[in-house]
């Protein structure tokens, strides 16, 4: 069974998404959102020297247990910004992604903004013991939330 993410934590992560977006927009009006460019191949996952070691454990490709959805986390910095890509199977625009260390542990929130995914969000907690990401997927257009789980995909040579 996948643990539910408390509404308070989900709210904090979504607020962090908004703050990161505002600070990035005010610092650089022409900055593109995290993950807005096409993702590099799985073998090109990059290290982020600024990211805390715990956050680097999130880097890689994650396959959602109930389908062909892939979340790729390939970089981060200390401010909380995560470089992310999302595929179903084609690339879906990631408008914002952040990480946060909280009472529930290391978490990542990802906001999608593309055709069929307007404002859809993932709020996921990293389970180090099981090496998985588990949490909630919210699809505002359908006014529904689902428990989801992602398993790490092996690195390709």
C-alpha atoms as a PDB file:
ATOM      1  CA  UNK A   1       0.000   0.000   0.000  1.00  0.00           C
ATOM      2  CA  UNK A   2       1.306   3.450  -0.901  1.00  0.00           C
ATOM      3  CA  UNK A   3       1.279   5.965   1.955  1.00  0.00           C
ATOM      4  CA  UNK A   4      -0.832   9.063   1.318  1.00  0.00           C
ATOM      5  CA  UNK A   5       0.952  12.391   1.345  1.00  0.00           C
ATOM      6  CA  UNK A   6      -0.579  14.631   4.020  1.00  0.00           C
ATOM      7  CA  UNK A   7      -2.455  17.555   2.546  1.00  0.00           C
ATOM      8  CA  UNK A   8      -0.306  20.008   4.529  1.00  0.00           C
ATOM      9  CA  UNK A   9       2.916  18.666   3.007  1.00  0.00           C
ATOM     10  CA  UNK A  10       1.388  18.684  -0.475  1.00  0.00           C
ATOM     11  CA  UNK A  11       0.356  22.305   0.060  1.00  0.00           C
ATOM     12  CA  UNK A  12       3.864  23.264   1.192  1.00  0.00           C
ATOM     13  CA  UNK A  13       5.446  21.620  -1.836  1.00  0.00           C
ATOM     14  CA  UNK A  14       3.018  23.298  -4.208  1.00  0.00           C
ATOM     15  CA  UNK A  15       3.740  26.638  -2.510  1.00  0.00           C
ATOM     16  CA  UNK A  16       7.453  25.936  -3.011  1.00  0.00           C
ATOM     17  CA  UNK A  17       6.761  25.365  -6.711  1.00  0.00           C
ATOM     18  CA  UNK A  18       5.178  28.810  -6.888  1.00  0.00           C
ATOM     19  CA  UNK A  19       8.035  30.481  -4.992  1.00  0.00           C
ATOM     20  CA  UNK A  20      10.730  28.860  -7.100  1.00  0.00           C
ATOM     21  CA  UNK A  21       8.886  29.910 -10.239  1.00  0.00           C
ATOM     22  CA  UNK A  22       8.523  33.512  -9.011  1.00  0.00           C
ATOM     23  CA  UNK A  23      12.164  33.827  -7.987  1.00  0.00           C
ATOM     24  CA  UNK A  24      13.386  32.335 -11.257  1.00  0.00           C
ATOM     25  CA  UNK A  25      11.082  34.603 -13.293  1.00  0.00           C
ATOM     26  CA  UNK A  26      12.155  37.777 -11.478  1.00  0.00           C
ATOM     27  CA  UNK A  27      15.858  36.920 -11.742  1.00  0.00           C
ATOM     28  CA  UNK A  28      15.739  36.141 -15.440  1.00  0.00           C
ATOM     29  CA  UNK A  29      12.681  37.029 -17.503  1.00  0.00           C
ATOM     30  CA  UNK A  30      13.815  34.839 -20.371  1.00  0.00           C
ATOM     31  CA  UNK A  31      14.535  31.775 -18.199  1.00  0.00           C
ATOM     32  CA  UNK A  32      12.838  28.634 -19.411  1.00  0.00           C
ATOM     33  CA  UNK A  33      10.964  26.440 -16.900  1.00  0.00           C
ATOM     34  CA  UNK A  34      12.697  23.394 -15.467  1.00  0.00           C
ATOM     35  CA  UNK A  35      12.401  20.499 -17.857  1.00  0.00           C
ATOM     36  CA  UNK A  36      11.031  22.630 -20.680  1.00  0.00           C
ATOM     37  CA  UNK A  37      13.667  21.403 -23.094  1.00  0.00           C
ATOM     38  CA  UNK A  38      13.801  17.905 -24.506  1.00  0.00           C
ATOM     39  CA  UNK A  39      15.328  15.432 -22.100  1.00  0.00           C
ATOM     40  CA  UNK A  40      18.688  13.909 -22.872  1.00  0.00           C
ATOM     41  CA  UNK A  41      18.893  10.131 -23.236  1.00  0.00           C
ATOM     42  CA  UNK A  42      18.869   8.089 -20.015  1.00  0.00           C
ATOM     43  CA  UNK A  43      22.632   7.689 -20.201  1.00  0.00           C
ATOM     44  CA  UNK A  44      23.106  11.470 -20.012  1.00  0.00           C
ATOM     45  CA  UNK A  45      21.824  11.985 -16.456  1.00  0.00           C
ATOM     46  CA  UNK A  46      23.986  14.790 -15.116  1.00  0.00           C
ATOM     47  CA  UNK A  47      25.464  15.325 -11.691  1.00  0.00           C
ATOM     48  CA  UNK A  48      24.762  18.597  -9.936  1.00  0.00           C
ATOM     49  CA  UNK A  49      27.698  19.651  -7.772  1.00  0.00           C
ATOM     50  CA  UNK A  50      25.421  22.109  -5.921  1.00  0.00           C
ATOM     51  CA  UNK A  51      22.835  19.494  -4.971  1.00  0.00           C
ATOM     52  CA  UNK A  52      23.016  17.926  -1.497  1.00  0.00           C
ATOM     53  CA  UNK A  53      24.116  14.277  -1.552  1.00  0.00           C
ATOM     54  CA  UNK A  54      20.672  13.104  -0.379  1.00  0.00           C
ATOM     55  CA  UNK A  55      19.025  14.842  -3.351  1.00  0.00           C
ATOM     56  CA  UNK A  56      21.483  13.272  -5.802  1.00  0.00           C
ATOM     57  CA  UNK A  57      19.967   9.899  -4.862  1.00  0.00           C
ATOM     58  CA  UNK A  58      16.820  11.014  -6.700  1.00  0.00           C
ATOM     59  CA  UNK A  59      18.630  11.398 -10.029  1.00  0.00           C
ATOM     60  CA  UNK A  60      17.730   8.866 -12.682  1.00  0.00           C
ATOM     61  CA  UNK A  61      14.749   7.527 -14.612  1.00  0.00           C
ATOM     62  CA  UNK A  62      11.705   6.354 -12.685  1.00  0.00           C
ATOM     63  CA  UNK A  63       8.952   4.184 -14.190  1.00  0.00           C
ATOM     64  CA  UNK A  64       5.432   4.489 -12.790  1.00  0.00           C
ATOM     65  CA  UNK A  65       4.268   1.070 -11.606  1.00  0.00           C
ATOM     66  CA  UNK A  66       0.847   1.264 -13.310  1.00  0.00           C
ATOM     67  CA  UNK A  67       1.913   2.260 -16.801  1.00  0.00           C
ATOM     68  CA  UNK A  68       4.527   3.555 -19.186  1.00  0.00           C
ATOM     69  CA  UNK A  69       4.918   6.956 -17.515  1.00  0.00           C
ATOM     70  CA  UNK A  70       8.556   7.911 -16.924  1.00  0.00           C
ATOM     71  CA  UNK A  71       9.827  10.657 -14.636  1.00  0.00           C
ATOM     72  CA  UNK A  72      13.451  11.642 -15.165  1.00  0.00           C
ATOM     73  CA  UNK A  73      15.248  13.637 -12.482  1.00  0.00           C
ATOM     74  CA  UNK A  74      18.610  14.762 -13.785  1.00  0.00           C
ATOM     75  CA  UNK A  75      19.826  17.683 -11.727  1.00  0.00           C
ATOM     76  CA  UNK A  76      19.080  19.958  -8.785  1.00  0.00           C
ATOM     77  CA  UNK A  77      20.491  22.839  -6.821  1.00  0.00           C
ATOM     78  CA  UNK A  78      20.462  23.939  -3.192  1.00  0.00           C
ATOM     79  CA  UNK A  79      17.585  26.382  -3.783  1.00  0.00           C
ATOM     80  CA  UNK A  80      15.245  23.446  -4.353  1.00  0.00           C
ATOM     81  CA  UNK A  81      14.980  23.561  -8.145  1.00  0.00           C
ATOM     82  CA  UNK A  82      15.009  20.162  -9.874  1.00  0.00           C
ATOM     83  CA  UNK A  83      15.686  19.533 -13.567  1.00  0.00           C
ATOM     84  CA  UNK A  84      12.983  17.077 -14.585  1.00  0.00           C
ATOM     85  CA  UNK A  85      11.498  15.438 -17.654  1.00  0.00           C
ATOM     86  CA  UNK A  86       8.249  13.488 -17.966  1.00  0.00           C
ATOM     87  CA  UNK A  87       7.315  11.064 -20.742  1.00  0.00           C
ATOM     88  CA  UNK A  88       4.107   9.248 -21.740  1.00  0.00           C
ATOM     89  CA  UNK A  89       5.805   7.960 -23.966  1.00  0.00           C
ATOM     90  CA  UNK A  90       6.521  11.301 -25.686  1.00  0.00           C
ATOM     91  CA  UNK A  91       7.883  14.263 -23.745  1.00  0.00           C
ATOM     92  CA  UNK A  92       5.320  16.169 -21.637  1.00  0.00           C
ATOM     93  CA  UNK A  93       6.234  19.721 -20.588  1.00  0.00           C
ATOM     94  CA  UNK A  94       7.386  20.013 -16.967  1.00  0.00           C
ATOM     95  CA  UNK A  95       6.609  23.581 -15.944  1.00  0.00           C
ATOM     96  CA  UNK A  96       8.175  23.397 -12.469  1.00  0.00           C
ATOM     97  CA  UNK A  97       9.897  20.879 -10.213  1.00  0.00           C
ATOM     98  CA  UNK A  98      11.262  21.239  -6.672  1.00  0.00           C
ATOM     99  CA  UNK A  99      12.728  19.086  -3.920  1.00  0.00           C
ATOM    100  CA  UNK A 100      12.220  19.556  -0.184  1.00  0.00           C
ATOM    101  CA  UNK A 101      13.464  17.859   2.981  1.00  0.00           C
ATOM    102  CA  UNK A 102      10.659  17.719   5.529  1.00  0.00           C
ATOM    103  CA  UNK A 103       9.096  15.671   8.299  1.00  0.00           C
ATOM    104  CA  UNK A 104       8.013  13.011   5.797  1.00  0.00           C
ATOM    105  CA  UNK A 105      11.568  12.816   4.395  1.00  0.00           C
ATOM    106  CA  UNK A 106      12.965  13.813   1.030  1.00  0.00           C
ATOM    107  CA  UNK A 107      10.197  14.865  -1.344  1.00  0.00           C
ATOM    108  CA  UNK A 108       9.878  16.080  -4.893  1.00  0.00           C
ATOM    109  CA  UNK A 109       6.978  17.981  -6.461  1.00  0.00           C
ATOM    110  CA  UNK A 110       6.567  18.150 -10.231  1.00  0.00           C
ATOM    111  CA  UNK A 111       4.032  20.281 -12.092  1.00  0.00           C
ATOM    112  CA  UNK A 112       3.103  19.408 -15.679  1.00  0.00           C
ATOM    113  CA  UNK A 113       1.643  21.896 -18.125  1.00  0.00           C
ATOM    114  CA  UNK A 114       0.873  20.424 -21.521  1.00  0.00           C
ATOM    115  CA  UNK A 115      -2.057  19.224 -23.619  1.00  0.00           C
ATOM    116  CA  UNK A 116      -4.012  16.798 -21.463  1.00  0.00           C
ATOM    117  CA  UNK A 117      -1.963  17.731 -18.370  1.00  0.00           C
ATOM    118  CA  UNK A 118      -2.899  21.333 -17.477  1.00  0.00           C
ATOM    119  CA  UNK A 119      -1.555  21.883 -13.951  1.00  0.00           C
ATOM    120  CA  UNK A 120      -1.245  18.182 -13.139  1.00  0.00           C
ATOM    121  CA  UNK A 121       1.089  17.584 -10.195  1.00  0.00           C
ATOM    122  CA  UNK A 122       3.067  14.826  -8.566  1.00  0.00           C
ATOM    123  CA  UNK A 123       4.021  15.080  -4.903  1.00  0.00           C
ATOM    124  CA  UNK A 124       6.344  12.161  -4.167  1.00  0.00           C
ATOM    125  CA  UNK A 125       8.345  10.973  -1.163  1.00  0.00           C
ATOM    126  CA  UNK A 126      11.588   9.067  -1.612  1.00  0.00           C
ATOM    127  CA  UNK A 127      11.643   5.652   0.082  1.00  0.00           C
ATOM    128  CA  UNK A 128      15.380   4.907   0.417  1.00  0.00           C
ATOM    129  CA  UNK A 129      14.814   1.378   1.719  1.00  0.00           C
ATOM    130  CA  UNK A 130      12.727   0.392  -1.315  1.00  0.00           C
ATOM    131  CA  UNK A 131      14.478   2.833  -3.701  1.00  0.00           C
ATOM    132  CA  UNK A 132      11.132   4.139  -4.933  1.00  0.00           C
ATOM    133  CA  UNK A 133       9.130   7.342  -5.150  1.00  0.00           C
ATOM    134  CA  UNK A 134       5.594   7.155  -3.782  1.00  0.00           C
ATOM    135  CA  UNK A 135       2.853   9.706  -3.307  1.00  0.00           C
ATOM    136  CA  UNK A 136       0.017  11.480  -5.078  1.00  0.00           C
ATOM    137  CA  UNK A 137      -0.746  12.433  -8.655  1.00  0.00           C
ATOM    138  CA  UNK A 138      -3.378  15.149  -8.978  1.00  0.00           C
ATOM    139  CA  UNK A 139      -5.172  15.768 -12.274  1.00  0.00           C
ATOM    140  CA  UNK A 140      -7.130  19.048 -11.799  1.00  0.00           C
ATOM    141  CA  UNK A 141      -8.981  18.729 -15.125  1.00  0.00           C
ATOM    142  CA  UNK A 142     -10.562  15.506 -13.841  1.00  0.00           C
ATOM    143  CA  UNK A 143     -10.737  16.770 -10.234  1.00  0.00           C
ATOM    144  CA  UNK A 144      -9.079  13.548  -9.081  1.00  0.00           C
ATOM    145  CA  UNK A 145      -6.016  12.421  -7.145  1.00  0.00           C
ATOM    146  CA  UNK A 146      -4.385   9.010  -7.295  1.00  0.00           C
ATOM    147  CA  UNK A 147      -1.834   7.148  -5.185  1.00  0.00           C
ATOM    148  CA  UNK A 148       1.180   6.403  -7.395  1.00  0.00           C
ATOM    149  CA  UNK A 149       4.525   4.684  -7.153  1.00  0.00           C
ATOM    150  CA  UNK A 150       7.639   4.952  -9.317  1.00  0.00           C
ATOM    151  CA  UNK A 151      10.407   2.362  -9.428  1.00  0.00           C
ATOM    152  CA  UNK A 152      13.943   3.254 -10.504  1.00  0.00           C
ATOM    153  CA  UNK A 153      14.891   2.065 -13.992  1.00  0.00           C
ATOM    154  CA  UNK A 154      18.318   0.472 -14.324  1.00  0.00           C
ATOM    155  CA  UNK A 155      20.984   2.642 -15.951  1.00  0.00           C
ATOM    156  CA  UNK A 156      21.554   1.846 -19.596  1.00  0.00           C
ATOM    157  CA  UNK A 157      25.156   1.207 -20.686  1.00  0.00           C
END
